[in-house]
């Protein structure tokens, strides 16, 4: 989990399991997220963006 955060700028929710969606850290702007997550994300709130696990 820590490697995901360090390498992909995402966080994992409580009780997260490998393969589940992850949260894009708030420090990543939408413009930067477009480059990092070309398949997109779902914005649950303006500060809460969810995407597929990036290293699968």
PDB file of N, CA and C in Angstrom:
ATOM      1  N   UNK A   1       0.822  -1.191   0.000  1.00  0.00           N
ATOM      2  CA  UNK A   1       0.000   0.000   0.000  1.00  0.00           C
ATOM      3  C   UNK A   1       0.869   1.259   0.000  1.00  0.00           C
ATOM      4  N   UNK A   2       1.927   1.260   0.775  1.00  0.00           N
ATOM      5  CA  UNK A   2       2.787   2.436   0.816  1.00  0.00           C
ATOM      6  C   UNK A   2       3.466   2.683  -0.524  1.00  0.00           C
ATOM      7  N   UNK A   3       3.781   1.624  -1.249  1.00  0.00           N
ATOM      8  CA  UNK A   3       4.391   1.791  -2.555  1.00  0.00           C
ATOM      9  C   UNK A   3       3.419   2.427  -3.538  1.00  0.00           C
ATOM     10  N   UNK A   4       2.139   2.109  -3.424  1.00  0.00           N
ATOM     11  CA  UNK A   4       1.145   2.755  -4.281  1.00  0.00           C
ATOM     12  C   UNK A   4       1.144   4.256  -4.052  1.00  0.00           C
ATOM     13  N   UNK A   5       1.166   4.654  -2.805  1.00  0.00           N
ATOM     14  CA  UNK A   5       1.165   6.081  -2.472  1.00  0.00           C
ATOM     15  C   UNK A   5       2.437   6.750  -2.979  1.00  0.00           C
ATOM     16  N   UNK A   6       3.559   6.141  -2.754  1.00  0.00           N
ATOM     17  CA  UNK A   6       4.837   6.731  -3.147  1.00  0.00           C
ATOM     18  C   UNK A   6       5.017   6.775  -4.660  1.00  0.00           C
ATOM     19  N   UNK A   7       4.603   5.742  -5.347  1.00  0.00           N
ATOM     20  CA  UNK A   7       4.862   5.631  -6.783  1.00  0.00           C
ATOM     21  C   UNK A   7       3.759   6.181  -7.676  1.00  0.00           C
ATOM     22  N   UNK A   8       2.525   6.228  -7.187  1.00  0.00           N
ATOM     23  CA  UNK A   8       1.401   6.566  -8.062  1.00  0.00           C
ATOM     24  C   UNK A   8       0.535   7.715  -7.564  1.00  0.00           C
ATOM     25  N   UNK A   9       0.875   8.316  -6.428  1.00  0.00           N
ATOM     26  CA  UNK A   9       0.134   9.449  -5.868  1.00  0.00           C
ATOM     27  C   UNK A   9      -1.336   9.112  -5.613  1.00  0.00           C
ATOM     28  N   UNK A  10      -1.543   7.948  -5.014  1.00  0.00           N
ATOM     29  CA  UNK A  10      -2.881   7.523  -4.619  1.00  0.00           C
ATOM     30  C   UNK A  10      -2.858   7.085  -3.159  1.00  0.00           C
ATOM     31  N   UNK A  11      -4.026   7.025  -2.567  1.00  0.00           N
ATOM     32  CA  UNK A  11      -4.177   6.536  -1.197  1.00  0.00           C
ATOM     33  C   UNK A  11      -5.177   5.389  -1.217  1.00  0.00           C
ATOM     34  N   UNK A  12      -5.119   4.566  -0.193  1.00  0.00           N
ATOM     35  CA  UNK A  12      -6.042   3.437  -0.118  1.00  0.00           C
ATOM     36  C   UNK A  12      -6.992   3.629   1.059  1.00  0.00           C
ATOM     37  N   UNK A  13      -8.275   3.357   0.845  1.00  0.00           N
ATOM     38  CA  UNK A  13      -9.250   3.472   1.928  1.00  0.00           C
ATOM     39  C   UNK A  13      -9.037   2.382   2.986  1.00  0.00           C
ATOM     40  N   UNK A  14      -9.665   2.560   4.125  1.00  0.00           N
ATOM     41  CA  UNK A  14      -9.620   1.539   5.176  1.00  0.00           C
ATOM     42  C   UNK A  14     -10.181   0.237   4.625  1.00  0.00           C
ATOM     43  N   UNK A  15      -9.617  -0.872   5.045  1.00  0.00           N
ATOM     44  CA  UNK A  15     -10.045  -2.206   4.622  1.00  0.00           C
ATOM     45  C   UNK A  15      -9.892  -2.428   3.126  1.00  0.00           C
ATOM     46  N   UNK A  16      -8.967  -1.719   2.502  1.00  0.00           N
ATOM     47  CA  UNK A  16      -8.710  -1.843   1.071  1.00  0.00           C
ATOM     48  C   UNK A  16      -8.070  -3.187   0.775  1.00  0.00           C
ATOM     49  N   UNK A  17      -8.402  -3.779  -0.369  1.00  0.00           N
ATOM     50  CA  UNK A  17      -7.795  -5.032  -0.815  1.00  0.00           C
ATOM     51  C   UNK A  17      -7.209  -4.825  -2.212  1.00  0.00           C
ATOM     52  N   UNK A  18      -6.145  -5.540  -2.510  1.00  0.00           N
ATOM     53  CA  UNK A  18      -5.470  -5.445  -3.807  1.00  0.00           C
ATOM     54  C   UNK A  18      -6.490  -5.583  -4.944  1.00  0.00           C
ATOM     55  N   UNK A  19      -6.432  -4.659  -5.876  1.00  0.00           N
ATOM     56  CA  UNK A  19      -7.328  -4.690  -7.020  1.00  0.00           C
ATOM     57  C   UNK A  19      -8.532  -3.773  -6.910  1.00  0.00           C
ATOM     58  N   UNK A  20      -8.800  -3.275  -5.726  1.00  0.00           N
ATOM     59  CA  UNK A  20      -9.928  -2.362  -5.551  1.00  0.00           C
ATOM     60  C   UNK A  20      -9.529  -0.949  -5.960  1.00  0.00           C
ATOM     61  N   UNK A  21     -10.517  -0.089  -6.109  1.00  0.00           N
ATOM     62  CA  UNK A  21     -10.270   1.300  -6.470  1.00  0.00           C
ATOM     63  C   UNK A  21      -9.457   2.008  -5.386  1.00  0.00           C
ATOM     64  N   UNK A  22      -8.749   3.047  -5.816  1.00  0.00           N
ATOM     65  CA  UNK A  22      -7.914   3.849  -4.918  1.00  0.00           C
ATOM     66  C   UNK A  22      -8.338   5.311  -5.027  1.00  0.00           C
ATOM     67  N   UNK A  23      -7.859   6.123  -4.103  1.00  0.00           N
ATOM     68  CA  UNK A  23      -8.196   7.547  -4.050  1.00  0.00           C
ATOM     69  C   UNK A  23      -6.999   8.351  -4.548  1.00  0.00           C
ATOM     70  N   UNK A  24      -7.239   9.268  -5.455  1.00  0.00           N
ATOM     71  CA  UNK A  24      -6.184  10.164  -5.922  1.00  0.00           C
ATOM     72  C   UNK A  24      -5.940  11.192  -4.818  1.00  0.00           C
ATOM     73  N   UNK A  25      -4.686  11.346  -4.404  1.00  0.00           N
ATOM     74  CA  UNK A  25      -4.397  12.265  -3.301  1.00  0.00           C
ATOM     75  C   UNK A  25      -4.787  13.694  -3.681  1.00  0.00           C
ATOM     76  N   UNK A  26      -5.296  14.458  -2.737  1.00  0.00           N
ATOM     77  CA  UNK A  26      -5.765  15.821  -3.021  1.00  0.00           C
ATOM     78  C   UNK A  26      -4.682  16.760  -3.544  1.00  0.00           C
ATOM     79  N   UNK A  27      -3.417  16.479  -3.278  1.00  0.00           N
ATOM     80  CA  UNK A  27      -2.333  17.338  -3.751  1.00  0.00           C
ATOM     81  C   UNK A  27      -2.161  17.282  -5.275  1.00  0.00           C
ATOM     82  N   UNK A  28      -2.766  16.302  -5.926  1.00  0.00           N
ATOM     83  CA  UNK A  28      -2.687  16.161  -7.381  1.00  0.00           C
ATOM     84  C   UNK A  28      -3.806  16.991  -8.007  1.00  0.00           C
ATOM     85  N   UNK A  29      -3.436  17.938  -8.865  1.00  0.00           N
ATOM     86  CA  UNK A  29      -4.445  18.759  -9.542  1.00  0.00           C
ATOM     87  C   UNK A  29      -5.167  17.928 -10.605  1.00  0.00           C
ATOM     88  N   UNK A  30      -6.301  18.414 -11.069  1.00  0.00           N
ATOM     89  CA  UNK A  30      -7.026  17.711 -12.123  1.00  0.00           C
ATOM     90  C   UNK A  30      -6.183  17.628 -13.397  1.00  0.00           C
ATOM     91  N   UNK A  31      -5.439  18.673 -13.701  1.00  0.00           N
ATOM     92  CA  UNK A  31      -4.584  18.654 -14.896  1.00  0.00           C
ATOM     93  C   UNK A  31      -3.503  17.584 -14.782  1.00  0.00           C
ATOM     94  N   UNK A  32      -2.876  17.485 -13.614  1.00  0.00           N
ATOM     95  CA  UNK A  32      -1.858  16.456 -13.403  1.00  0.00           C
ATOM     96  C   UNK A  32      -2.493  15.066 -13.405  1.00  0.00           C
ATOM     97  N   UNK A  33      -3.686  14.951 -12.835  1.00  0.00           N
ATOM     98  CA  UNK A  33      -4.381  13.662 -12.797  1.00  0.00           C
ATOM     99  C   UNK A  33      -4.711  13.165 -14.198  1.00  0.00           C
ATOM    100  N   UNK A  34      -4.984  14.069 -15.120  1.00  0.00           N
ATOM    101  CA  UNK A  34      -5.257  13.658 -16.505  1.00  0.00           C
ATOM    102  C   UNK A  34      -4.058  12.943 -17.108  1.00  0.00           C
ATOM    103  N   UNK A  35      -2.856  13.394 -16.757  1.00  0.00           N
ATOM    104  CA  UNK A  35      -1.641  12.739 -17.242  1.00  0.00           C
ATOM    105  C   UNK A  35      -1.369  11.435 -16.504  1.00  0.00           C
ATOM    106  N   UNK A  36      -1.579  11.441 -15.198  1.00  0.00           N
ATOM    107  CA  UNK A  36      -1.281  10.261 -14.382  1.00  0.00           C
ATOM    108  C   UNK A  36      -2.306   9.145 -14.541  1.00  0.00           C
ATOM    109  N   UNK A  37      -3.559   9.514 -14.789  1.00  0.00           N
ATOM    110  CA  UNK A  37      -4.655   8.536 -14.862  1.00  0.00           C
ATOM    111  C   UNK A  37      -5.443   8.743 -16.152  1.00  0.00           C
ATOM    112  N   UNK A  38      -4.860   8.355 -17.293  1.00  0.00           N
ATOM    113  CA  UNK A  38      -5.494   8.617 -18.588  1.00  0.00           C
ATOM    114  C   UNK A  38      -6.847   7.930 -18.776  1.00  0.00           C
ATOM    115  N   UNK A  39      -7.116   6.908 -17.991  1.00  0.00           N
ATOM    116  CA  UNK A  39      -8.422   6.234 -18.092  1.00  0.00           C
ATOM    117  C   UNK A  39      -9.504   6.951 -17.295  1.00  0.00           C
ATOM    118  N   UNK A  40      -9.131   8.047 -16.641  1.00  0.00           N
ATOM    119  CA  UNK A  40     -10.100   8.857 -15.916  1.00  0.00           C
ATOM    120  C   UNK A  40     -10.300   8.443 -14.475  1.00  0.00           C
ATOM    121  N   UNK A  41     -11.257   9.112 -13.841  1.00  0.00           N
ATOM    122  CA  UNK A  41     -11.589   8.880 -12.440  1.00  0.00           C
ATOM    123  C   UNK A  41     -13.026   9.313 -12.215  1.00  0.00           C
ATOM    124  N   UNK A  42     -13.543   8.960 -11.063  1.00  0.00           N
ATOM    125  CA  UNK A  42     -14.885   9.381 -10.660  1.00  0.00           C
ATOM    126  C   UNK A  42     -14.725  10.356  -9.500  1.00  0.00           C
ATOM    127  N   UNK A  43     -15.293  11.542  -9.641  1.00  0.00           N
ATOM    128  CA  UNK A  43     -15.228  12.550  -8.579  1.00  0.00           C
ATOM    129  C   UNK A  43     -16.463  12.407  -7.695  1.00  0.00           C
ATOM    130  N   UNK A  44     -16.282  11.807  -6.546  1.00  0.00           N
ATOM    131  CA  UNK A  44     -17.384  11.642  -5.595  1.00  0.00           C
ATOM    132  C   UNK A  44     -17.712  12.974  -4.924  1.00  0.00           C
ATOM    133  N   UNK A  45     -16.683  13.766  -4.670  1.00  0.00           N
ATOM    134  CA  UNK A  45     -16.750  15.133  -4.127  1.00  0.00           C
ATOM    135  C   UNK A  45     -15.627  15.890  -4.823  1.00  0.00           C
ATOM    136  N   UNK A  46     -15.604  17.211  -4.780  1.00  0.00           N
ATOM    137  CA  UNK A  46     -14.507  17.927  -5.434  1.00  0.00           C
ATOM    138  C   UNK A  46     -13.119  17.513  -4.922  1.00  0.00           C
ATOM    139  N   UNK A  47     -13.047  17.079  -3.695  1.00  0.00           N
ATOM    140  CA  UNK A  47     -11.772  16.691  -3.090  1.00  0.00           C
ATOM    141  C   UNK A  47     -11.577  15.177  -3.030  1.00  0.00           C
ATOM    142  N   UNK A  48     -12.537  14.397  -3.527  1.00  0.00           N
ATOM    143  CA  UNK A  48     -12.483  12.935  -3.439  1.00  0.00           C
ATOM    144  C   UNK A  48     -12.649  12.332  -4.828  1.00  0.00           C
ATOM    145  N   UNK A  49     -11.504  11.936  -5.430  1.00  0.00           N
ATOM    146  CA  UNK A  49     -11.508  11.345  -6.765  1.00  0.00           C
ATOM    147  C   UNK A  49     -11.048   9.901  -6.665  1.00  0.00           C
ATOM    148  N   UNK A  50     -11.810   8.998  -7.257  1.00  0.00           N
ATOM    149  CA  UNK A  50     -11.564   7.570  -7.173  1.00  0.00           C
ATOM    150  C   UNK A  50     -11.207   7.047  -8.570  1.00  0.00           C
ATOM    151  N   UNK A  51     -10.205   6.170  -8.624  1.00  0.00           N
ATOM    152  CA  UNK A  51      -9.779   5.581  -9.882  1.00  0.00           C
ATOM    153  C   UNK A  51      -9.413   4.121  -9.679  1.00  0.00           C
ATOM    154  N   UNK A  52      -9.222   3.406 -10.769  1.00  0.00           N
ATOM    155  CA  UNK A  52      -8.778   2.004 -10.693  1.00  0.00           C
ATOM    156  C   UNK A  52      -7.345   1.957 -10.183  1.00  0.00           C
ATOM    157  N   UNK A  53      -6.980   0.872  -9.534  1.00  0.00           N
ATOM    158  CA  UNK A  53      -5.616   0.700  -9.044  1.00  0.00           C
ATOM    159  C   UNK A  53      -4.662   0.805 -10.229  1.00  0.00           C
ATOM    160  N   UNK A  54      -3.676   1.705 -10.191  1.00  0.00           N
ATOM    161  CA  UNK A  54      -2.855   1.987 -11.361  1.00  0.00           C
ATOM    162  C   UNK A  54      -1.832   0.932 -11.761  1.00  0.00           C
ATOM    163  N   UNK A  55      -1.434   0.063 -10.884  1.00  0.00           N
ATOM    164  CA  UNK A  55      -0.352  -0.874 -11.227  1.00  0.00           C
ATOM    165  C   UNK A  55      -0.853  -2.283 -11.536  1.00  0.00           C
ATOM    166  N   UNK A  56      -2.062  -2.415 -11.998  1.00  0.00           N
ATOM    167  CA  UNK A  56      -2.583  -3.748 -12.347  1.00  0.00           C
ATOM    168  C   UNK A  56      -2.324  -4.077 -13.785  1.00  0.00           C
TER     169      UNK A  56
END
